[in-house]
Amino acid sequence: MTQIVFISLTVAAVVSCLMALRIYGDWISITSFGSGYDTEPLAKLRESLVCWVARHLFCAAGATILCVMIKWFPSLHAFPGADVILAGYGMLSLLFASLDHMLSQQVQFCLSRLNSDRG
């Protein structure tokens, strides 16, 4: 394993751990805010989750574009395994986008439940 591959995998692992902690924190926020009667924190949380979904989708699209460019233009192939690392990062970004979207749907469910209880 070359040094650049090791660094790339380390960065991907650190980012994955940080995103997992952030997603877990958002899940705890949903469960705590969902049991209350105030919808404002849930609405703000939903907005931030939608932004995270867009960020992850943008990163996945960028990784896919770079991976395709490496395949079409061999001169861009910086090191062996660059396309595999980019494809893995793209799949990881899609996974995080899916998880954030599911959390956003959970927030929307809590908001609709709270609004129906009020009305």
PDB file of N, CA and C in Angstrom:
ATOM      1  N   MET A   1       0.859  -1.169   0.000  1.00  0.00           N
ATOM      2  CA  MET A   1       0.000   0.000   0.000  1.00  0.00           C
ATOM      3  C   MET A   1       0.907   1.235   0.000  1.00  0.00           C
ATOM      4  N   THR A   2       0.621   2.122  -0.942  1.00  0.00           N
ATOM      5  CA  THR A   2       1.430   3.333  -1.024  1.00  0.00           C
ATOM      6  C   THR A   2       0.993   4.332   0.041  1.00  0.00           C
ATOM      7  N   GLN A   3       1.802   5.326   0.216  1.00  0.00           N
ATOM      8  CA  GLN A   3       1.529   6.317   1.262  1.00  0.00           C
ATOM      9  C   GLN A   3       0.274   7.126   0.950  1.00  0.00           C
ATOM     10  N   ILE A   4       0.050   7.478  -0.317  1.00  0.00           N
ATOM     11  CA  ILE A   4      -1.122   8.282  -0.669  1.00  0.00           C
ATOM     12  C   ILE A   4      -2.413   7.485  -0.482  1.00  0.00           C
ATOM     13  N   VAL A   5      -2.371   6.186  -0.760  1.00  0.00           N
ATOM     14  CA  VAL A   5      -3.542   5.336  -0.527  1.00  0.00           C
ATOM     15  C   VAL A   5      -3.833   5.261   0.963  1.00  0.00           C
ATOM     16  N   PHE A   6      -2.800   5.091   1.763  1.00  0.00           N
ATOM     17  CA  PHE A   6      -2.975   5.033   3.218  1.00  0.00           C
ATOM     18  C   PHE A   6      -3.559   6.339   3.753  1.00  0.00           C
ATOM     19  N   ILE A   7      -3.058   7.471   3.276  1.00  0.00           N
ATOM     20  CA  ILE A   7      -3.575   8.770   3.719  1.00  0.00           C
ATOM     21  C   ILE A   7      -5.031   8.939   3.297  1.00  0.00           C
ATOM     22  N   SER A   8      -5.359   8.534   2.071  1.00  0.00           N
ATOM     23  CA  SER A   8      -6.733   8.652   1.583  1.00  0.00           C
ATOM     24  C   SER A   8      -7.689   7.797   2.404  1.00  0.00           C
ATOM     25  N   LEU A   9      -7.275   6.582   2.704  1.00  0.00           N
ATOM     26  CA  LEU A   9      -8.125   5.710   3.517  1.00  0.00           C
ATOM     27  C   LEU A   9      -8.263   6.227   4.942  1.00  0.00           C
ATOM     28  N   THR A  10      -7.207   6.801   5.482  1.00  0.00           N
ATOM     29  CA  THR A  10      -7.271   7.376   6.827  1.00  0.00           C
ATOM     30  C   THR A  10      -8.228   8.557   6.870  1.00  0.00           C
ATOM     31  N   VAL A  11      -8.149   9.425   5.877  1.00  0.00           N
ATOM     32  CA  VAL A  11      -9.061  10.575   5.822  1.00  0.00           C
ATOM     33  C   VAL A  11     -10.504  10.099   5.687  1.00  0.00           C
ATOM     34  N   ALA A  12     -10.744   9.099   4.839  1.00  0.00           N
ATOM     35  CA  ALA A  12     -12.099   8.569   4.677  1.00  0.00           C
ATOM     36  C   ALA A  12     -12.611   7.955   5.977  1.00  0.00           C
ATOM     37  N   ALA A  13     -11.751   7.262   6.706  1.00  0.00           N
ATOM     38  CA  ALA A  13     -12.165   6.659   7.975  1.00  0.00           C
ATOM     39  C   ALA A  13     -12.473   7.721   9.024  1.00  0.00           C
ATOM     40  N   VAL A  14     -11.655   8.761   9.096  1.00  0.00           N
ATOM     41  CA  VAL A  14     -11.897   9.835  10.071  1.00  0.00           C
ATOM     42  C   VAL A  14     -13.194  10.569   9.745  1.00  0.00           C
ATOM     43  N   VAL A  15     -13.401  10.876   8.467  1.00  0.00           N
ATOM     44  CA  VAL A  15     -14.639  11.555   8.060  1.00  0.00           C
ATOM     45  C   VAL A  15     -15.845  10.673   8.360  1.00  0.00           C
ATOM     46  N   SER A  16     -15.725   9.379   8.119  1.00  0.00           N
ATOM     47  CA  SER A  16     -16.830   8.459   8.411  1.00  0.00           C
ATOM     48  C   SER A  16     -17.165   8.437   9.897  1.00  0.00           C
ATOM     49  N   CYS A  17     -16.150   8.409  10.733  1.00  0.00           N
ATOM     50  CA  CYS A  17     -16.394   8.420  12.184  1.00  0.00           C
ATOM     51  C   CYS A  17     -17.057   9.717  12.624  1.00  0.00           C
ATOM     52  N   LEU A  18     -16.591  10.836  12.098  1.00  0.00           N
ATOM     53  CA  LEU A  18     -17.195  12.123  12.465  1.00  0.00           C
ATOM     54  C   LEU A  18     -18.638  12.220  11.983  1.00  0.00           C
ATOM     55  N   MET A  19     -18.912  11.745  10.779  1.00  0.00           N
ATOM     56  CA  MET A  19     -20.284  11.786  10.262  1.00  0.00           C
ATOM     57  C   MET A  19     -21.193  10.850  11.058  1.00  0.00           C
ATOM     58  N   ALA A  20     -20.667   9.700  11.454  1.00  0.00           N
ATOM     59  CA  ALA A  20     -21.468   8.778  12.261  1.00  0.00           C
ATOM     60  C   ALA A  20     -21.822   9.410  13.604  1.00  0.00           C
ATOM     61  N   LEU A  21     -20.874  10.108  14.216  1.00  0.00           N
ATOM     62  CA  LEU A  21     -21.159  10.796  15.483  1.00  0.00           C
ATOM     63  C   LEU A  21     -22.179  11.916  15.289  1.00  0.00           C
ATOM     64  N   ARG A  22     -22.063  12.667  14.190  1.00  0.00           N
ATOM     65  CA  ARG A  22     -23.015  13.747  13.922  1.00  0.00           C
ATOM     66  C   ARG A  22     -24.416  13.187  13.681  1.00  0.00           C
ATOM     67  N   ILE A  23     -24.506  12.097  12.929  1.00  0.00           N
ATOM     68  CA  ILE A  23     -25.804  11.485  12.655  1.00  0.00           C
ATOM     69  C   ILE A  23     -26.413  10.941  13.942  1.00  0.00           C
ATOM     70  N   TYR A  24     -25.597  10.335  14.799  1.00  0.00           N
ATOM     71  CA  TYR A  24     -26.101   9.845  16.081  1.00  0.00           C
ATOM     72  C   TYR A  24     -26.587  11.004  16.955  1.00  0.00           C
ATOM     73  N   GLY A  25     -25.846  12.104  16.955  1.00  0.00           N
ATOM     74  CA  GLY A  25     -26.281  13.287  17.704  1.00  0.00           C
ATOM     75  C   GLY A  25     -27.588  13.852  17.177  1.00  0.00           C
ATOM     76  N   ASP A  26     -27.755  13.842  15.855  1.00  0.00           N
ATOM     77  CA  ASP A  26     -29.021  14.300  15.282  1.00  0.00           C
ATOM     78  C   ASP A  26     -30.167  13.373  15.670  1.00  0.00           C
ATOM     79  N   TRP A  27     -29.886  12.072  15.720  1.00  0.00           N
ATOM     80  CA  TRP A  27     -30.922  11.119  16.128  1.00  0.00           C
ATOM     81  C   TRP A  27     -31.346  11.376  17.586  1.00  0.00           C
ATOM     82  N   ILE A  28     -30.385  11.645  18.452  1.00  0.00           N
ATOM     83  CA  ILE A  28     -30.708  11.959  19.846  1.00  0.00           C
ATOM     84  C   ILE A  28     -31.521  13.250  19.914  1.00  0.00           C
ATOM     85  N   SER A  29     -31.165  14.235  19.108  1.00  0.00           N
ATOM     86  CA  SER A  29     -31.923  15.492  19.077  1.00  0.00           C
ATOM     87  C   SER A  29     -33.350  15.253  18.617  1.00  0.00           C
ATOM     88  N   ILE A  30     -33.533  14.400  17.626  1.00  0.00           N
ATOM     89  CA  ILE A  30     -34.883  14.103  17.134  1.00  0.00           C
ATOM     90  C   ILE A  30     -35.713  13.457  18.228  1.00  0.00           C
ATOM     91  N   THR A  31     -35.135  12.499  18.944  1.00  0.00           N
ATOM     92  CA  THR A  31     -35.908  11.828  19.988  1.00  0.00           C
ATOM     93  C   THR A  31     -36.223  12.766  21.149  1.00  0.00           C
ATOM     94  N   SER A  32     -35.300  13.674  21.472  1.00  0.00           N
ATOM     95  CA  SER A  32     -35.574  14.583  22.593  1.00  0.00           C
ATOM     96  C   SER A  32     -36.534  15.698  22.187  1.00  0.00           C
ATOM     97  N   PHE A  33     -36.365  16.266  20.999  1.00  0.00           N
ATOM     98  CA  PHE A  33     -37.270  17.331  20.557  1.00  0.00           C
ATOM     99  C   PHE A  33     -38.633  16.784  20.152  1.00  0.00           C
ATOM    100  N   GLY A  34     -38.669  15.536  19.683  1.00  0.00           N
ATOM    101  CA  GLY A  34     -39.937  14.955  19.246  1.00  0.00           C
ATOM    102  C   GLY A  34     -40.897  14.690  20.381  1.00  0.00           C
ATOM    103  N   SER A  35     -40.381  14.546  21.594  1.00  0.00           N
ATOM    104  CA  SER A  35     -41.259  14.284  22.732  1.00  0.00           C
ATOM    105  C   SER A  35     -41.835  15.568  23.316  1.00  0.00           C
ATOM    106  N   GLY A  36     -41.292  16.709  22.931  1.00  0.00           N
ATOM    107  CA  GLY A  36     -41.789  17.989  23.441  1.00  0.00           C
ATOM    108  C   GLY A  36     -42.920  18.530  22.581  1.00  0.00           C
ATOM    109  N   TYR A  37     -43.212  19.808  22.790  1.00  0.00           N
ATOM    110  CA  TYR A  37     -44.302  20.435  22.047  1.00  0.00           C
ATOM    111  C   TYR A  37     -43.826  21.591  21.186  1.00  0.00           C
ATOM    112  N   ASP A  38     -42.539  21.876  21.176  1.00  0.00           N
ATOM    113  CA  ASP A  38     -42.002  22.987  20.400  1.00  0.00           C
ATOM    114  C   ASP A  38     -41.520  22.462  19.049  1.00  0.00           C
ATOM    115  N   THR A  39     -42.042  23.033  17.969  1.00  0.00           N
ATOM    116  CA  THR A  39     -41.684  22.563  16.635  1.00  0.00           C
ATOM    117  C   THR A  39     -40.507  23.328  16.023  1.00  0.00           C
ATOM    118  N   GLU A  40     -40.122  24.453  16.624  1.00  0.00           N
ATOM    119  CA  GLU A  40     -39.049  25.263  16.039  1.00  0.00           C
ATOM    120  C   GLU A  40     -37.704  24.531  15.988  1.00  0.00           C
ATOM    121  N   PRO A  41     -37.263  23.861  17.074  1.00  0.00           N
ATOM    122  CA  PRO A  41     -35.979  23.135  16.974  1.00  0.00           C
ATOM    123  C   PRO A  41     -36.016  22.018  15.930  1.00  0.00           C
ATOM    124  N   LEU A  42     -37.168  21.356  15.803  1.00  0.00           N
ATOM    125  CA  LEU A  42     -37.275  20.299  14.800  1.00  0.00           C
ATOM    126  C   LEU A  42     -37.210  20.867  13.390  1.00  0.00           C
ATOM    127  N   ALA A  43     -37.828  22.024  13.180  1.00  0.00           N
ATOM    128  CA  ALA A  43     -37.785  22.645  11.854  1.00  0.00           C
ATOM    129  C   ALA A  43     -36.355  23.057  11.499  1.00  0.00           C
ATOM    130  N   LYS A  44     -35.623  23.602  12.477  1.00  0.00           N
ATOM    131  CA  LYS A  44     -34.225  23.976  12.224  1.00  0.00           C
ATOM    132  C   LYS A  44     -33.368  22.738  11.956  1.00  0.00           C
ATOM    133  N   LEU A  45     -33.633  21.671  12.688  1.00  0.00           N
ATOM    134  CA  LEU A  45     -32.889  20.432  12.481  1.00  0.00           C
ATOM    135  C   LEU A  45     -33.168  19.863  11.095  1.00  0.00           C
ATOM    136  N   ARG A  46     -34.415  19.942  10.657  1.00  0.00           N
ATOM    137  CA  ARG A  46     -34.759  19.449   9.318  1.00  0.00           C
ATOM    138  C   ARG A  46     -34.046  20.254   8.242  1.00  0.00           C
ATOM    139  N   GLU A  47     -33.986  21.572   8.417  1.00  0.00           N
ATOM    140  CA  GLU A  47     -33.276  22.409   7.446  1.00  0.00           C
ATOM    141  C   GLU A  47     -31.797  22.032   7.377  1.00  0.00           C
ATOM    142  N   SER A  48     -31.189  21.804   8.531  1.00  0.00           N
ATOM    143  CA  SER A  48     -29.766  21.439   8.522  1.00  0.00           C
ATOM    144  C   SER A  48     -29.555  20.059   7.901  1.00  0.00           C
ATOM    145  N   LEU A  49     -30.484  19.136   8.129  1.00  0.00           N
ATOM    146  CA  LEU A  49     -30.358  17.810   7.530  1.00  0.00           C
ATOM    147  C   LEU A  49     -30.486  17.871   6.012  1.00  0.00           C
ATOM    148  N   VAL A  50     -31.386  18.726   5.522  1.00  0.00           N
ATOM    149  CA  VAL A  50     -31.526  18.881   4.073  1.00  0.00           C
ATOM    150  C   VAL A  50     -30.234  19.447   3.477  1.00  0.00           C
ATOM    151  N   CYS A  51     -29.593  20.369   4.188  1.00  0.00           N
ATOM    152  CA  CYS A  51     -28.303  20.905   3.727  1.00  0.00           C
ATOM    153  C   CYS A  51     -27.235  19.814   3.706  1.00  0.00           C
ATOM    154  N   TRP A  52     -27.232  18.954   4.716  1.00  0.00           N
ATOM    155  CA  TRP A  52     -26.256  17.868   4.736  1.00  0.00           C
ATOM    156  C   TRP A  52     -26.500  16.887   3.593  1.00  0.00           C
ATOM    157  N   VAL A  53     -27.763  16.613   3.289  1.00  0.00           N
ATOM    158  CA  VAL A  53     -28.066  15.726   2.160  1.00  0.00           C
ATOM    159  C   VAL A  53     -27.506  16.319   0.874  1.00  0.00           C
ATOM    160  N   ALA A  54     -27.719  17.618   0.674  1.00  0.00           N
ATOM    161  CA  ALA A  54     -27.206  18.274  -0.533  1.00  0.00           C
ATOM    162  C   ALA A  54     -25.678  18.226  -0.575  1.00  0.00           C
ATOM    163  N   ARG A  55     -25.029  18.439   0.562  1.00  0.00           N
ATOM    164  CA  ARG A  55     -23.557  18.381   0.604  1.00  0.00           C
ATOM    165  C   ARG A  55     -23.043  16.993   0.232  1.00  0.00           C
ATOM    166  N   HIS A  56     -23.659  15.974   0.814  1.00  0.00           N
ATOM    167  CA  HIS A  56     -23.211  14.613   0.529  1.00  0.00           C
ATOM    168  C   HIS A  56     -23.458  14.241  -0.932  1.00  0.00           C
ATOM    169  N   LEU A  57     -24.598  14.652  -1.483  1.00  0.00           N
ATOM    170  CA  LEU A  57     -24.871  14.360  -2.890  1.00  0.00           C
ATOM    171  C   LEU A  57     -23.893  15.089  -3.805  1.00  0.00           C
ATOM    172  N   PHE A  58     -23.535  16.325  -3.449  1.00  0.00           N
ATOM    173  CA  PHE A  58     -22.560  17.078  -4.231  1.00  0.00           C
ATOM    174  C   PHE A  58     -21.199  16.384  -4.198  1.00  0.00           C
ATOM    175  N   CYS A  59     -20.786  15.915  -3.033  1.00  0.00           N
ATOM    176  CA  CYS A  59     -19.500  15.203  -2.918  1.00  0.00           C
ATOM    177  C   CYS A  59     -19.528  13.888  -3.697  1.00  0.00           C
ATOM    178  N   ALA A  60     -20.647  13.178  -3.652  1.00  0.00           N
ATOM    179  CA  ALA A  60     -20.755  11.925  -4.403  1.00  0.00           C
ATOM    180  C   ALA A  60     -20.706  12.187  -5.903  1.00  0.00           C
ATOM    181  N   ALA A  61     -21.378  13.242  -6.351  1.00  0.00           N
ATOM    182  CA  ALA A  61     -21.339  13.580  -7.776  1.00  0.00           C
ATOM    183  C   ALA A  61     -19.930  13.984  -8.196  1.00  0.00           C
ATOM    184  N   GLY A  62     -19.250  14.757  -7.362  1.00  0.00           N
ATOM    185  CA  GLY A  62     -17.874  15.145  -7.668  1.00  0.00           C
ATOM    186  C   GLY A  62     -16.940  13.950  -7.746  1.00  0.00           C
ATOM    187  N   ALA A  63     -17.084  13.019  -6.816  1.00  0.00           N
ATOM    188  CA  ALA A  63     -16.241  11.821  -6.834  1.00  0.00           C
ATOM    189  C   ALA A  63     -16.533  10.972  -8.065  1.00  0.00           C
ATOM    190  N   THR A  64     -17.798  10.883  -8.448  1.00  0.00           N
ATOM    191  CA  THR A  64     -18.157  10.117  -9.640  1.00  0.00           C
ATOM    192  C   THR A  64     -17.582  10.758 -10.895  1.00  0.00           C
ATOM    193  N   ILE A  65     -17.680  12.084 -10.988  1.00  0.00           N
ATOM    194  CA  ILE A  65     -17.133  12.790 -12.149  1.00  0.00           C
ATOM    195  C   ILE A  65     -15.619  12.598 -12.228  1.00  0.00           C
ATOM    196  N   LEU A  66     -14.938  12.719 -11.096  1.00  0.00           N
ATOM    197  CA  LEU A  66     -13.485  12.505 -11.098  1.00  0.00           C
ATOM    198  C   LEU A  66     -13.118  11.071 -11.474  1.00  0.00           C
ATOM    199  N   CYS A  67     -13.903  10.116 -11.001  1.00  0.00           N
ATOM    200  CA  CYS A  67     -13.639   8.713 -11.313  1.00  0.00           C
ATOM    201  C   CYS A  67     -13.813   8.452 -12.811  1.00  0.00           C
ATOM    202  N   VAL A  68     -14.861   9.020 -13.401  1.00  0.00           N
ATOM    203  CA  VAL A  68     -15.090   8.865 -14.837  1.00  0.00           C
ATOM    204  C   VAL A  68     -13.989   9.554 -15.635  1.00  0.00           C
ATOM    205  N   MET A  69     -13.566  10.729 -15.183  1.00  0.00           N
ATOM    206  CA  MET A  69     -12.489  11.433 -15.884  1.00  0.00           C
ATOM    207  C   MET A  69     -11.185  10.639 -15.833  1.00  0.00           C
ATOM    208  N   ILE A  70     -10.923   9.975 -14.716  1.00  0.00           N
ATOM    209  CA  ILE A  70      -9.715   9.150 -14.618  1.00  0.00           C
ATOM    210  C   ILE A  70      -9.786   7.984 -15.603  1.00  0.00           C
ATOM    211  N   LYS A  71     -10.976   7.407 -15.761  1.00  0.00           N
ATOM    212  CA  LYS A  71     -11.126   6.289 -16.697  1.00  0.00           C
ATOM    213  C   LYS A  71     -10.980   6.751 -18.144  1.00  0.00           C
ATOM    214  N   TRP A  72     -11.514   7.938 -18.487  1.00  0.00           N
ATOM    215  CA  TRP A  72     -11.469   8.429 -19.868  1.00  0.00           C
ATOM    216  C   TRP A  72     -10.120   9.018 -20.241  1.00  0.00           C
ATOM    217  N   PHE A  73      -9.471   9.678 -19.295  1.00  0.00           N
ATOM    218  CA  PHE A  73      -8.186  10.322 -19.552  1.00  0.00           C
ATOM    219  C   PHE A  73      -7.127   9.664 -18.670  1.00  0.00           C
ATOM    220  N   PRO A  74      -6.428   8.680 -19.195  1.00  0.00           N
ATOM    221  CA  PRO A  74      -5.431   7.967 -18.379  1.00  0.00           C
ATOM    222  C   PRO A  74      -4.313   8.869 -17.851  1.00  0.00           C
ATOM    223  N   SER A  75      -4.109  10.024 -18.465  1.00  0.00           N
ATOM    224  CA  SER A  75      -3.060  10.922 -17.966  1.00  0.00           C
ATOM    225  C   SER A  75      -3.412  11.490 -16.591  1.00  0.00           C
ATOM    226  N   LEU A  76      -4.695  11.452 -16.219  1.00  0.00           N
ATOM    227  CA  LEU A  76      -5.115  11.933 -14.899  1.00  0.00           C
ATOM    228  C   LEU A  76      -4.929  10.880 -13.806  1.00  0.00           C
ATOM    229  N   HIS A  77      -4.576   9.679 -14.201  1.00  0.00           N
ATOM    230  CA  HIS A  77      -4.418   8.591 -13.229  1.00  0.00           C
ATOM    231  C   HIS A  77      -3.166   8.857 -12.402  1.00  0.00           C
ATOM    232  N   ALA A  78      -3.336   9.553 -11.279  1.00  0.00           N
ATOM    233  CA  ALA A  78      -2.208  10.016 -10.466  1.00  0.00           C
ATOM    234  C   ALA A  78      -1.460   8.862  -9.798  1.00  0.00           C
ATOM    235  N   PHE A  79      -2.191   7.906  -9.265  1.00  0.00           N
ATOM    236  CA  PHE A  79      -1.560   6.780  -8.578  1.00  0.00           C
ATOM    237  C   PHE A  79      -2.464   5.568  -8.718  1.00  0.00           C
ATOM    238  N   PRO A  80      -1.911   4.374  -8.619  1.00  0.00           N
ATOM    239  CA  PRO A  80      -2.737   3.171  -8.743  1.00  0.00           C
ATOM    240  C   PRO A  80      -3.781   3.114  -7.632  1.00  0.00           C
ATOM    241  N   GLY A  81      -4.999   2.879  -8.016  1.00  0.00           N
ATOM    242  CA  GLY A  81      -6.079   2.772  -7.043  1.00  0.00           C
ATOM    243  C   GLY A  81      -6.822   4.062  -6.794  1.00  0.00           C
ATOM    244  N   ALA A  82      -6.488   5.133  -7.513  1.00  0.00           N
ATOM    245  CA  ALA A  82      -7.173   6.411  -7.297  1.00  0.00           C
ATOM    246  C   ALA A  82      -8.645   6.308  -7.654  1.00  0.00           C
ATOM    247  N   ASP A  83      -8.948   5.600  -8.742  1.00  0.00           N
ATOM    248  CA  ASP A  83     -10.341   5.469  -9.144  1.00  0.00           C
ATOM    249  C   ASP A  83     -11.135   4.637  -8.142  1.00  0.00           C
ATOM    250  N   VAL A  84     -10.508   3.638  -7.561  1.00  0.00           N
ATOM    251  CA  VAL A  84     -11.190   2.800  -6.567  1.00  0.00           C
ATOM    252  C   VAL A  84     -11.467   3.600  -5.295  1.00  0.00           C
ATOM    253  N   ILE A  85     -10.507   4.396  -4.872  1.00  0.00           N
ATOM    254  CA  ILE A  85     -10.696   5.215  -3.671  1.00  0.00           C
ATOM    255  C   ILE A  85     -11.790   6.254  -3.902  1.00  0.00           C
ATOM    256  N   LEU A  86     -11.794   6.876  -5.085  1.00  0.00           N
ATOM    257  CA  LEU A  86     -12.837   7.859  -5.390  1.00  0.00           C
ATOM    258  C   LEU A  86     -14.213   7.205  -5.462  1.00  0.00           C
ATOM    259  N   ALA A  87     -14.289   6.018  -6.047  1.00  0.00           N
ATOM    260  CA  ALA A  87     -15.570   5.312  -6.112  1.00  0.00           C
ATOM    261  C   ALA A  87     -16.055   4.950  -4.707  1.00  0.00           C
ATOM    262  N   GLY A  88     -15.141   4.506  -3.857  1.00  0.00           N
ATOM    263  CA  GLY A  88     -15.514   4.197  -2.473  1.00  0.00           C
ATOM    264  C   GLY A  88     -15.988   5.422  -1.721  1.00  0.00           C
ATOM    265  N   TYR A  89     -15.305   6.548  -1.929  1.00  0.00           N
ATOM    266  CA  TYR A  89     -15.727   7.789  -1.279  1.00  0.00           C
ATOM    267  C   TYR A  89     -17.096   8.232  -1.794  1.00  0.00           C
ATOM    268  N   GLY A  90     -17.347   8.047  -3.086  1.00  0.00           N
ATOM    269  CA  GLY A  90     -18.658   8.388  -3.640  1.00  0.00           C
ATOM    270  C   GLY A  90     -19.762   7.532  -3.042  1.00  0.00           C
ATOM    271  N   MET A  91     -19.494   6.237  -2.888  1.00  0.00           N
ATOM    272  CA  MET A  91     -20.495   5.356  -2.284  1.00  0.00           C
ATOM    273  C   MET A  91     -20.716   5.708  -0.819  1.00  0.00           C
ATOM    274  N   LEU A  92     -19.650   6.060  -0.125  1.00  0.00           N
ATOM    275  CA  LEU A  92     -19.766   6.472   1.273  1.00  0.00           C
ATOM    276  C   LEU A  92     -20.594   7.752   1.391  1.00  0.00           C
ATOM    277  N   SER A  93     -20.386   8.684   0.477  1.00  0.00           N
ATOM    278  CA  SER A  93     -21.168   9.923   0.483  1.00  0.00           C
ATOM    279  C   SER A  93     -22.639   9.640   0.208  1.00  0.00           C
ATOM    280  N   LEU A  94     -22.918   8.712  -0.710  1.00  0.00           N
ATOM    281  CA  LEU A  94     -24.311   8.344  -0.970  1.00  0.00           C
ATOM    282  C   LEU A  94     -24.950   7.676   0.245  1.00  0.00           C
ATOM    283  N   LEU A  95     -24.174   6.877   0.969  1.00  0.00           N
ATOM    284  CA  LEU A  95     -24.684   6.258   2.192  1.00  0.00           C
ATOM    285  C   LEU A  95     -25.054   7.321   3.221  1.00  0.00           C
ATOM    286  N   PHE A  96     -24.173   8.305   3.411  1.00  0.00           N
ATOM    287  CA  PHE A  96     -24.468   9.367   4.369  1.00  0.00           C
ATOM    288  C   PHE A  96     -25.643  10.224   3.910  1.00  0.00           C
ATOM    289  N   ALA A  97     -25.771  10.453   2.611  1.00  0.00           N
ATOM    290  CA  ALA A  97     -26.921  11.204   2.098  1.00  0.00           C
ATOM    291  C   ALA A  97     -28.213  10.443   2.375  1.00  0.00           C
ATOM    292  N   SER A  98     -28.183   9.126   2.205  1.00  0.00           N
ATOM    293  CA  SER A  98     -29.372   8.311   2.483  1.00  0.00           C
ATOM    294  C   SER A  98     -29.733   8.345   3.963  1.00  0.00           C
ATOM    295  N   LEU A  99     -28.736   8.229   4.824  1.00  0.00           N
ATOM    296  CA  LEU A  99     -29.000   8.267   6.266  1.00  0.00           C
ATOM    297  C   LEU A  99     -29.552   9.625   6.693  1.00  0.00           C
ATOM    298  N   ASP A 100     -28.968  10.704   6.170  1.00  0.00           N
ATOM    299  CA  ASP A 100     -29.469  12.033   6.518  1.00  0.00           C
ATOM    300  C   ASP A 100     -30.877  12.250   5.976  1.00  0.00           C
ATOM    301  N   HIS A 101     -31.159  11.690   4.806  1.00  0.00           N
ATOM    302  CA  HIS A 101     -32.513  11.823   4.259  1.00  0.00           C
ATOM    303  C   HIS A 101     -33.522  11.055   5.115  1.00  0.00           C
ATOM    304  N   MET A 102     -33.133   9.882   5.600  1.00  0.00           N
ATOM    305  CA  MET A 102     -34.031   9.131   6.481  1.00  0.00           C
ATOM    306  C   MET A 102     -34.271   9.890   7.780  1.00  0.00           C
ATOM    307  N   LEU A 103     -33.237  10.526   8.322  1.00  0.00           N
ATOM    308  CA  LEU A 103     -33.418  11.340   9.527  1.00  0.00           C
ATOM    309  C   LEU A 103     -34.328  12.532   9.240  1.00  0.00           C
ATOM    310  N   SER A 104     -34.175  13.126   8.065  1.00  0.00           N
ATOM    311  CA  SER A 104     -35.029  14.248   7.688  1.00  0.00           C
ATOM    312  C   SER A 104     -36.489  13.807   7.590  1.00  0.00           C
ATOM    313  N   GLN A 105     -36.719  12.615   7.075  1.00  0.00           N
ATOM    314  CA  GLN A 105     -38.084  12.092   7.026  1.00  0.00           C
ATOM    315  C   GLN A 105     -38.624  11.832   8.426  1.00  0.00           C
ATOM    316  N   GLN A 106     -37.772  11.366   9.324  1.00  0.00           N
ATOM    317  CA  GLN A 106     -38.198  11.151  10.708  1.00  0.00           C
ATOM    318  C   GLN A 106     -38.577  12.469  11.366  1.00  0.00           C
ATOM    319  N   VAL A 107     -37.796  13.523  11.099  1.00  0.00           N
ATOM    320  CA  VAL A 107     -38.120  14.851  11.636  1.00  0.00           C
ATOM    321  C   VAL A 107     -39.448  15.326  11.070  1.00  0.00           C
ATOM    322  N   GLN A 108     -39.668  15.110   9.772  1.00  0.00           N
ATOM    323  CA  GLN A 108     -40.932  15.524   9.157  1.00  0.00           C
ATOM    324  C   GLN A 108     -42.103  14.772   9.774  1.00  0.00           C
ATOM    325  N   PHE A 109     -41.904  13.487  10.074  1.00  0.00           N
ATOM    326  CA  PHE A 109     -42.951  12.707  10.735  1.00  0.00           C
ATOM    327  C   PHE A 109     -43.255  13.271  12.123  1.00  0.00           C
ATOM    328  N   CYS A 110     -42.215  13.612  12.883  1.00  0.00           N
ATOM    329  CA  CYS A 110     -42.416  14.198  14.216  1.00  0.00           C
ATOM    330  C   CYS A 110     -43.123  15.542  14.117  1.00  0.00           C
ATOM    331  N   LEU A 111     -42.742  16.351  13.127  1.00  0.00           N
ATOM    332  CA  LEU A 111     -43.393  17.654  12.949  1.00  0.00           C
ATOM    333  C   LEU A 111     -44.864  17.495  12.601  1.00  0.00           C
ATOM    334  N   SER A 112     -45.183  16.572  11.716  1.00  0.00           N
ATOM    335  CA  SER A 112     -46.587  16.379  11.348  1.00  0.00           C
ATOM    336  C   SER A 112     -47.388  15.821  12.518  1.00  0.00           C
ATOM    337  N   ARG A 113     -46.760  14.955  13.327  1.00  0.00           N
ATOM    338  CA  ARG A 113     -47.447  14.418  14.506  1.00  0.00           C
ATOM    339  C   ARG A 113     -47.716  15.521  15.526  1.00  0.00           C
ATOM    340  N   LEU A 114     -46.728  16.391  15.754  1.00  0.00           N
ATOM    341  CA  LEU A 114     -46.914  17.493  16.700  1.00  0.00           C
ATOM    342  C   LEU A 114     -47.957  18.484  16.196  1.00  0.00           C
ATOM    343  N   ASN A 115     -47.956  18.751  14.894  1.00  0.00           N
ATOM    344  CA  ASN A 115     -48.945  19.679  14.344  1.00  0.00           C
ATOM    345  C   ASN A 115     -50.347  19.092  14.379  1.00  0.00           C
ATOM    346  N   SER A 116     -50.482  17.777  14.194  1.00  0.00           N
ATOM    347  CA  SER A 116     -51.811  17.166  14.264  1.00  0.00           C
ATOM    348  C   SER A 116     -52.311  17.107  15.711  1.00  0.00           C
ATOM    349  N   ASP A 117     -51.395  16.990  16.676  1.00  0.00           N
ATOM    350  CA  ASP A 117     -51.798  17.002  18.084  1.00  0.00           C
ATOM    351  C   ASP A 117     -52.299  18.377  18.499  1.00  0.00           C
ATOM    352  N   ARG A 118     -51.707  19.418  17.912  1.00  0.00           N
ATOM    353  CA  ARG A 118     -52.135  20.784  18.241  1.00  0.00           C
ATOM    354  C   ARG A 118     -53.478  21.124  17.612  1.00  0.00           C
ATOM    355  N   GLY A 119     -53.668  20.640  16.389  1.00  0.00           N
ATOM    356  CA  GLY A 119     -54.864  21.037  15.634  1.00  0.00           C
ATOM    357  C   GLY A 119     -56.003  20.167  15.885  1.00  0.00           C
TER     358      GLY A 119
END
